[in-house]
Amino acid sequence: MNTQTATPHSSSARTPLRTPRVLVVGLAASAALFAACGSDAKPTSQEPAVTIKTFQYSPNPASVAAGTIVIRNDDNTTHTFTSDEQGVFDASITGPNKTASVKVTAGTHKFHCEIHPSMTGELVVT
């Protein structure tokens, strides 16, 4: 007597393979959605919050939202964007048309250029 069992080849036998595929597609879509949301490491805007031109910061005072901001140097020399409070933010920007990004937190922050002490400004962060 032959006691072998036949293996079914109906579509219901393949259903378990579809579930992992749906899960993988769903996870990939979720990852793409989260990646599109961005992170604090990137500037909130590519537009400069502060521009350095003719040895002046503009606008001054500058009002920005908390997060990462861009500073652009339009001069032909290096400048810094350095908080008067040590360690709050500090960036060196070679010119012309070079940029740097710094992360800023809520509050009013005075800043200066380490290279050119007469260059000063104020940043109001909300």
N, C-alpha and C. Protein backbone atom coordinates (compact mmCIF):
# COMPACT_ATOMS: atom_id res chain seq x y z
N MET A 1 0.84 -1.16 0.00
CA MET A 1 0.00 0.00 0.00
C MET A 1 0.89 1.23 0.00
N ASN A 2 0.54 2.21 -0.81
CA ASN A 2 1.30 3.45 -0.92
C ASN A 2 0.70 4.47 0.03
N THR A 3 1.51 5.01 0.95
CA THR A 3 1.01 5.96 1.95
C THR A 3 1.57 7.36 1.77
N GLN A 4 2.03 7.69 0.59
CA GLN A 4 2.56 9.04 0.35
C GLN A 4 1.43 10.05 0.36
N THR A 5 1.73 11.25 0.88
CA THR A 5 0.75 12.32 0.92
C THR A 5 1.06 13.30 -0.20
N ALA A 6 0.07 13.71 -0.90
CA ALA A 6 0.25 14.67 -1.99
C ALA A 6 0.40 16.07 -1.42
N THR A 7 1.26 16.88 -2.05
CA THR A 7 1.44 18.28 -1.65
C THR A 7 0.49 19.13 -2.47
N PRO A 8 -0.35 19.92 -1.85
CA PRO A 8 -1.31 20.74 -2.61
C PRO A 8 -0.58 21.84 -3.37
N HIS A 9 -1.05 22.14 -4.57
CA HIS A 9 -0.49 23.18 -5.41
C HIS A 9 -1.51 24.28 -5.67
N SER A 10 -2.45 24.42 -4.81
CA SER A 10 -3.48 25.45 -5.02
C SER A 10 -2.93 26.82 -4.64
N SER A 11 -3.64 27.88 -4.98
CA SER A 11 -3.20 29.24 -4.67
C SER A 11 -3.13 29.49 -3.18
N SER A 12 -3.90 28.76 -2.40
CA SER A 12 -3.86 28.97 -0.94
C SER A 12 -2.53 28.51 -0.36
N ALA A 13 -1.83 27.63 -1.04
CA ALA A 13 -0.54 27.18 -0.54
C ALA A 13 0.52 28.27 -0.71
N ARG A 14 0.30 29.19 -1.62
CA ARG A 14 1.27 30.27 -1.85
C ARG A 14 0.97 31.52 -1.04
N THR A 15 -0.14 31.61 -0.40
CA THR A 15 -0.54 32.79 0.35
C THR A 15 0.47 33.20 1.41
N PRO A 16 1.06 32.26 2.18
CA PRO A 16 2.04 32.67 3.18
C PRO A 16 3.23 33.43 2.60
N LEU A 17 3.60 33.21 1.35
CA LEU A 17 4.70 33.93 0.74
C LEU A 17 4.34 35.39 0.44
N ARG A 18 3.08 35.66 0.25
CA ARG A 18 2.65 37.03 -0.05
C ARG A 18 2.73 37.93 1.17
N THR A 19 2.47 37.41 2.32
CA THR A 19 2.47 38.21 3.54
C THR A 19 3.83 38.85 3.80
N PRO A 20 4.95 38.13 3.70
CA PRO A 20 6.25 38.78 3.89
C PRO A 20 6.52 39.86 2.84
N ARG A 21 6.09 39.65 1.61
CA ARG A 21 6.31 40.66 0.57
C ARG A 21 5.56 41.94 0.90
N VAL A 22 4.32 41.80 1.36
CA VAL A 22 3.54 42.98 1.74
C VAL A 22 4.21 43.69 2.90
N LEU A 23 4.71 42.92 3.85
CA LEU A 23 5.39 43.50 5.00
C LEU A 23 6.64 44.26 4.57
N VAL A 24 7.43 43.68 3.68
CA VAL A 24 8.66 44.33 3.20
C VAL A 24 8.33 45.61 2.46
N VAL A 25 7.32 45.57 1.58
CA VAL A 25 6.91 46.78 0.84
C VAL A 25 6.42 47.85 1.81
N GLY A 26 5.65 47.45 2.82
CA GLY A 26 5.15 48.41 3.80
C GLY A 26 6.26 49.05 4.60
N LEU A 27 7.24 48.24 5.01
CA LEU A 27 8.39 48.78 5.76
C LEU A 27 9.22 49.72 4.90
N ALA A 28 9.40 49.37 3.63
CA ALA A 28 10.17 50.24 2.73
C ALA A 28 9.45 51.57 2.54
N ALA A 29 8.15 51.55 2.39
CA ALA A 29 7.38 52.78 2.23
C ALA A 29 7.47 53.63 3.50
N SER A 30 7.39 53.00 4.66
CA SER A 30 7.50 53.74 5.92
C SER A 30 8.88 54.38 6.07
N ALA A 31 9.91 53.64 5.70
CA ALA A 31 11.27 54.18 5.79
C ALA A 31 11.43 55.38 4.87
N ALA A 32 10.88 55.31 3.67
CA ALA A 32 10.96 56.44 2.74
C ALA A 32 10.22 57.65 3.29
N LEU A 33 9.08 57.42 3.92
CA LEU A 33 8.31 58.52 4.50
C LEU A 33 9.08 59.19 5.63
N PHE A 34 9.68 58.40 6.52
CA PHE A 34 10.47 58.97 7.61
C PHE A 34 11.69 59.70 7.10
N ALA A 35 12.33 59.19 6.06
CA ALA A 35 13.51 59.84 5.49
C ALA A 35 13.14 61.18 4.89
N ALA A 36 11.96 61.30 4.32
CA ALA A 36 11.52 62.55 3.72
C ALA A 36 11.25 63.62 4.77
N CYS A 37 11.03 63.22 6.00
CA CYS A 37 10.75 64.19 7.06
C CYS A 37 11.98 64.98 7.46
N GLY A 38 13.17 64.48 7.19
CA GLY A 38 14.39 65.22 7.49
C GLY A 38 14.83 65.06 8.93
N SER A 39 15.89 65.78 9.28
CA SER A 39 16.42 65.74 10.64
C SER A 39 16.98 67.09 11.00
N ASP A 40 17.33 67.26 12.28
CA ASP A 40 17.87 68.54 12.72
C ASP A 40 19.27 68.81 12.18
N ALA A 41 19.91 67.81 11.64
CA ALA A 41 21.25 68.02 11.12
C ALA A 41 21.27 68.86 9.87
N LYS A 42 20.17 68.90 9.18
CA LYS A 42 20.10 69.69 7.96
C LYS A 42 19.44 71.03 8.26
N PRO A 43 19.85 72.07 7.54
CA PRO A 43 19.23 73.37 7.76
C PRO A 43 17.73 73.34 7.51
N THR A 44 16.99 74.10 8.33
CA THR A 44 15.56 74.23 8.15
C THR A 44 15.26 74.84 6.80
N SER A 45 16.09 75.74 6.36
CA SER A 45 15.96 76.39 5.06
C SER A 45 17.34 76.52 4.44
N GLN A 46 17.41 76.39 3.13
CA GLN A 46 18.68 76.57 2.43
C GLN A 46 19.00 78.06 2.27
N GLU A 47 18.02 78.92 2.44
CA GLU A 47 18.24 80.36 2.38
C GLU A 47 19.03 80.78 3.62
N PRO A 48 20.01 81.65 3.44
CA PRO A 48 20.78 82.07 4.61
C PRO A 48 19.94 82.90 5.58
N ALA A 49 20.08 82.60 6.86
CA ALA A 49 19.43 83.39 7.90
C ALA A 49 20.21 84.67 8.14
N VAL A 50 21.53 84.58 7.94
CA VAL A 50 22.42 85.72 8.12
C VAL A 50 23.41 85.72 6.95
N THR A 51 23.63 86.90 6.38
CA THR A 51 24.61 87.07 5.31
C THR A 51 25.69 88.02 5.79
N ILE A 52 26.93 87.70 5.46
CA ILE A 52 28.06 88.57 5.78
C ILE A 52 28.49 89.24 4.49
N LYS A 53 28.45 90.58 4.50
CA LYS A 53 28.84 91.34 3.31
C LYS A 53 29.40 92.69 3.77
N THR A 54 30.50 93.08 3.16
CA THR A 54 31.21 94.33 3.51
C THR A 54 31.46 94.43 5.02
N PHE A 55 31.91 93.30 5.59
CA PHE A 55 32.27 93.23 7.00
C PHE A 55 31.12 93.56 7.94
N GLN A 56 29.90 93.17 7.52
CA GLN A 56 28.71 93.37 8.35
C GLN A 56 27.82 92.13 8.27
N TYR A 57 27.14 91.85 9.38
CA TYR A 57 26.13 90.79 9.42
C TYR A 57 24.79 91.41 9.04
N SER A 58 24.03 90.71 8.21
CA SER A 58 22.72 91.22 7.81
C SER A 58 21.73 90.06 7.71
N PRO A 59 20.51 90.23 8.23
CA PRO A 59 20.02 91.36 9.01
C PRO A 59 20.64 91.36 10.41
N ASN A 60 20.55 92.47 11.04
CA ASN A 60 21.09 92.62 12.37
C ASN A 60 20.22 93.59 13.17
N PRO A 61 19.45 93.11 14.12
CA PRO A 61 19.38 91.73 14.60
C PRO A 61 18.64 90.82 13.59
N ALA A 62 18.94 89.53 13.67
CA ALA A 62 18.28 88.53 12.84
C ALA A 62 17.31 87.72 13.70
N SER A 63 16.12 87.47 13.17
CA SER A 63 15.12 86.66 13.87
C SER A 63 14.94 85.35 13.12
N VAL A 64 15.11 84.24 13.84
CA VAL A 64 15.03 82.91 13.22
C VAL A 64 14.30 81.94 14.14
N ALA A 65 13.85 80.85 13.57
CA ALA A 65 13.26 79.76 14.36
C ALA A 65 14.38 78.87 14.86
N ALA A 66 14.17 78.26 16.01
CA ALA A 66 15.16 77.32 16.57
C ALA A 66 15.39 76.18 15.58
N GLY A 67 16.61 75.72 15.53
CA GLY A 67 16.98 74.64 14.61
C GLY A 67 18.32 74.96 13.97
N THR A 68 18.55 74.40 12.81
CA THR A 68 19.80 74.62 12.11
C THR A 68 19.62 75.72 11.07
N ILE A 69 20.49 76.72 11.11
CA ILE A 69 20.40 77.85 10.19
C ILE A 69 21.66 77.92 9.32
N VAL A 70 21.53 78.63 8.21
CA VAL A 70 22.64 78.81 7.27
C VAL A 70 23.16 80.24 7.39
N ILE A 71 24.48 80.38 7.38
CA ILE A 71 25.15 81.69 7.33
C ILE A 71 25.96 81.71 6.05
N ARG A 72 25.81 82.78 5.26
CA ARG A 72 26.56 82.89 4.00
C ARG A 72 27.52 84.05 4.08
N ASN A 73 28.74 83.81 3.60
CA ASN A 73 29.78 84.83 3.56
C ASN A 73 29.93 85.31 2.11
N ASP A 74 29.61 86.58 1.85
CA ASP A 74 29.77 87.15 0.52
C ASP A 74 31.05 87.97 0.38
N ASP A 75 31.85 88.04 1.46
CA ASP A 75 33.12 88.77 1.40
C ASP A 75 34.22 87.87 0.83
N ASN A 76 35.31 88.51 0.42
CA ASN A 76 36.45 87.78 -0.14
C ASN A 76 37.46 87.35 0.93
N THR A 77 37.03 87.33 2.17
CA THR A 77 37.90 86.93 3.27
C THR A 77 37.13 86.02 4.22
N THR A 78 37.85 85.31 5.06
CA THR A 78 37.23 84.41 6.03
C THR A 78 36.65 85.22 7.19
N HIS A 79 35.47 84.80 7.64
CA HIS A 79 34.83 85.37 8.82
C HIS A 79 34.38 84.21 9.71
N THR A 80 34.06 84.55 10.96
CA THR A 80 33.43 83.55 11.84
C THR A 80 32.07 84.06 12.27
N PHE A 81 31.25 83.13 12.69
CA PHE A 81 29.94 83.42 13.26
C PHE A 81 29.98 82.74 14.62
N THR A 82 30.40 83.50 15.64
CA THR A 82 30.74 82.94 16.94
C THR A 82 29.88 83.57 18.03
N SER A 83 29.22 82.74 18.81
CA SER A 83 28.41 83.22 19.93
C SER A 83 29.30 83.86 20.98
N ASP A 84 28.82 84.96 21.59
CA ASP A 84 29.55 85.58 22.70
C ASP A 84 29.62 84.63 23.90
N GLU A 85 28.62 83.74 24.01
CA GLU A 85 28.61 82.73 25.07
C GLU A 85 29.38 81.52 24.54
N GLN A 86 30.46 81.20 25.19
CA GLN A 86 31.34 80.13 24.71
C GLN A 86 30.59 78.81 24.53
N GLY A 87 30.79 78.20 23.37
CA GLY A 87 30.24 76.88 23.10
C GLY A 87 28.82 76.82 22.58
N VAL A 88 28.14 77.96 22.46
CA VAL A 88 26.75 77.94 21.98
C VAL A 88 26.72 77.67 20.48
N PHE A 89 27.47 78.40 19.69
CA PHE A 89 27.67 78.12 18.27
C PHE A 89 28.93 78.81 17.79
N ASP A 90 29.55 78.24 16.77
CA ASP A 90 30.78 78.79 16.23
C ASP A 90 31.00 78.19 14.84
N ALA A 91 31.16 79.05 13.85
CA ALA A 91 31.40 78.57 12.49
C ALA A 91 32.40 79.49 11.81
N SER A 92 33.30 78.91 11.04
CA SER A 92 34.24 79.67 10.23
C SER A 92 33.78 79.53 8.79
N ILE A 93 33.65 80.66 8.08
CA ILE A 93 33.13 80.63 6.72
C ILE A 93 34.11 81.34 5.80
N THR A 94 34.72 80.58 4.89
CA THR A 94 35.60 81.19 3.89
C THR A 94 34.72 81.79 2.80
N GLY A 95 35.17 82.83 2.15
CA GLY A 95 34.33 83.49 1.14
C GLY A 95 34.97 83.41 -0.21
N PRO A 96 34.38 83.93 -1.22
CA PRO A 96 33.00 84.43 -1.24
C PRO A 96 32.00 83.32 -1.55
N ASN A 97 30.76 83.58 -1.22
CA ASN A 97 29.61 82.70 -1.49
C ASN A 97 29.74 81.32 -0.85
N LYS A 98 30.45 81.24 0.25
CA LYS A 98 30.54 80.00 1.02
C LYS A 98 29.54 80.06 2.16
N THR A 99 29.08 78.90 2.61
CA THR A 99 28.10 78.86 3.69
C THR A 99 28.57 77.92 4.80
N ALA A 100 27.95 78.08 5.95
CA ALA A 100 28.12 77.18 7.08
C ALA A 100 26.77 77.07 7.77
N SER A 101 26.58 75.99 8.48
CA SER A 101 25.33 75.78 9.23
C SER A 101 25.65 75.66 10.71
N VAL A 102 24.79 76.22 11.53
CA VAL A 102 24.91 76.09 12.98
C VAL A 102 23.54 75.79 13.56
N LYS A 103 23.52 75.06 14.66
CA LYS A 103 22.28 74.77 15.35
C LYS A 103 22.10 75.81 16.45
N VAL A 104 20.89 76.42 16.48
CA VAL A 104 20.61 77.45 17.47
C VAL A 104 19.38 77.08 18.29
N THR A 105 19.39 77.51 19.54
CA THR A 105 18.28 77.24 20.45
C THR A 105 17.60 78.55 20.82
N ALA A 106 16.40 78.44 21.36
CA ALA A 106 15.60 79.62 21.71
C ALA A 106 16.36 80.54 22.65
N GLY A 107 16.17 81.84 22.42
CA GLY A 107 16.80 82.86 23.24
C GLY A 107 17.39 83.95 22.38
N THR A 108 17.98 84.93 23.03
CA THR A 108 18.67 86.01 22.32
C THR A 108 20.17 85.79 22.48
N HIS A 109 20.85 85.69 21.35
CA HIS A 109 22.28 85.38 21.36
C HIS A 109 23.07 86.48 20.65
N LYS A 110 24.00 87.07 21.35
CA LYS A 110 24.92 88.02 20.72
C LYS A 110 26.06 87.22 20.11
N PHE A 111 26.57 87.72 18.98
CA PHE A 111 27.64 87.00 18.30
C PHE A 111 28.63 87.99 17.71
N HIS A 112 29.77 87.46 17.24
CA HIS A 112 30.84 88.30 16.70
C HIS A 112 31.69 87.50 15.73
N CYS A 113 32.61 88.19 15.06
CA CYS A 113 33.61 87.54 14.22
C CYS A 113 34.92 87.51 15.01
N GLU A 114 35.47 86.33 15.21
CA GLU A 114 36.72 86.19 15.95
C GLU A 114 37.87 86.90 15.24
N ILE A 115 37.83 86.97 13.92
CA ILE A 115 38.91 87.56 13.14
C ILE A 115 38.80 89.09 13.09
N HIS A 116 37.57 89.59 13.05
CA HIS A 116 37.32 91.03 12.94
C HIS A 116 36.41 91.45 14.10
N PRO A 117 36.98 91.78 15.25
CA PRO A 117 36.21 92.06 16.47
C PRO A 117 35.17 93.17 16.35
N SER A 118 35.32 94.06 15.37
CA SER A 118 34.32 95.13 15.22
C SER A 118 33.01 94.60 14.63
N MET A 119 33.03 93.39 14.09
CA MET A 119 31.82 92.78 13.53
C MET A 119 31.05 92.08 14.66
N THR A 120 29.86 92.60 14.97
CA THR A 120 29.03 92.04 16.02
C THR A 120 27.59 91.97 15.54
N GLY A 121 26.79 91.16 16.22
CA GLY A 121 25.38 91.07 15.86
C GLY A 121 24.58 90.41 16.96
N GLU A 122 23.28 90.30 16.67
CA GLU A 122 22.37 89.69 17.62
C GLU A 122 21.42 88.76 16.87
N LEU A 123 21.16 87.61 17.46
CA LEU A 123 20.29 86.60 16.88
C LEU A 123 19.15 86.35 17.86
N VAL A 124 17.91 86.55 17.41
CA VAL A 124 16.74 86.31 18.24
C VAL A 124 16.12 85.00 17.74
N VAL A 125 16.15 83.98 18.58
CA VAL A 125 15.70 82.64 18.19
C VAL A 125 14.41 82.30 18.94
N THR A 126 13.37 81.95 18.18
CA THR A 126 12.08 81.59 18.81
C THR A 126 11.77 80.12 18.62
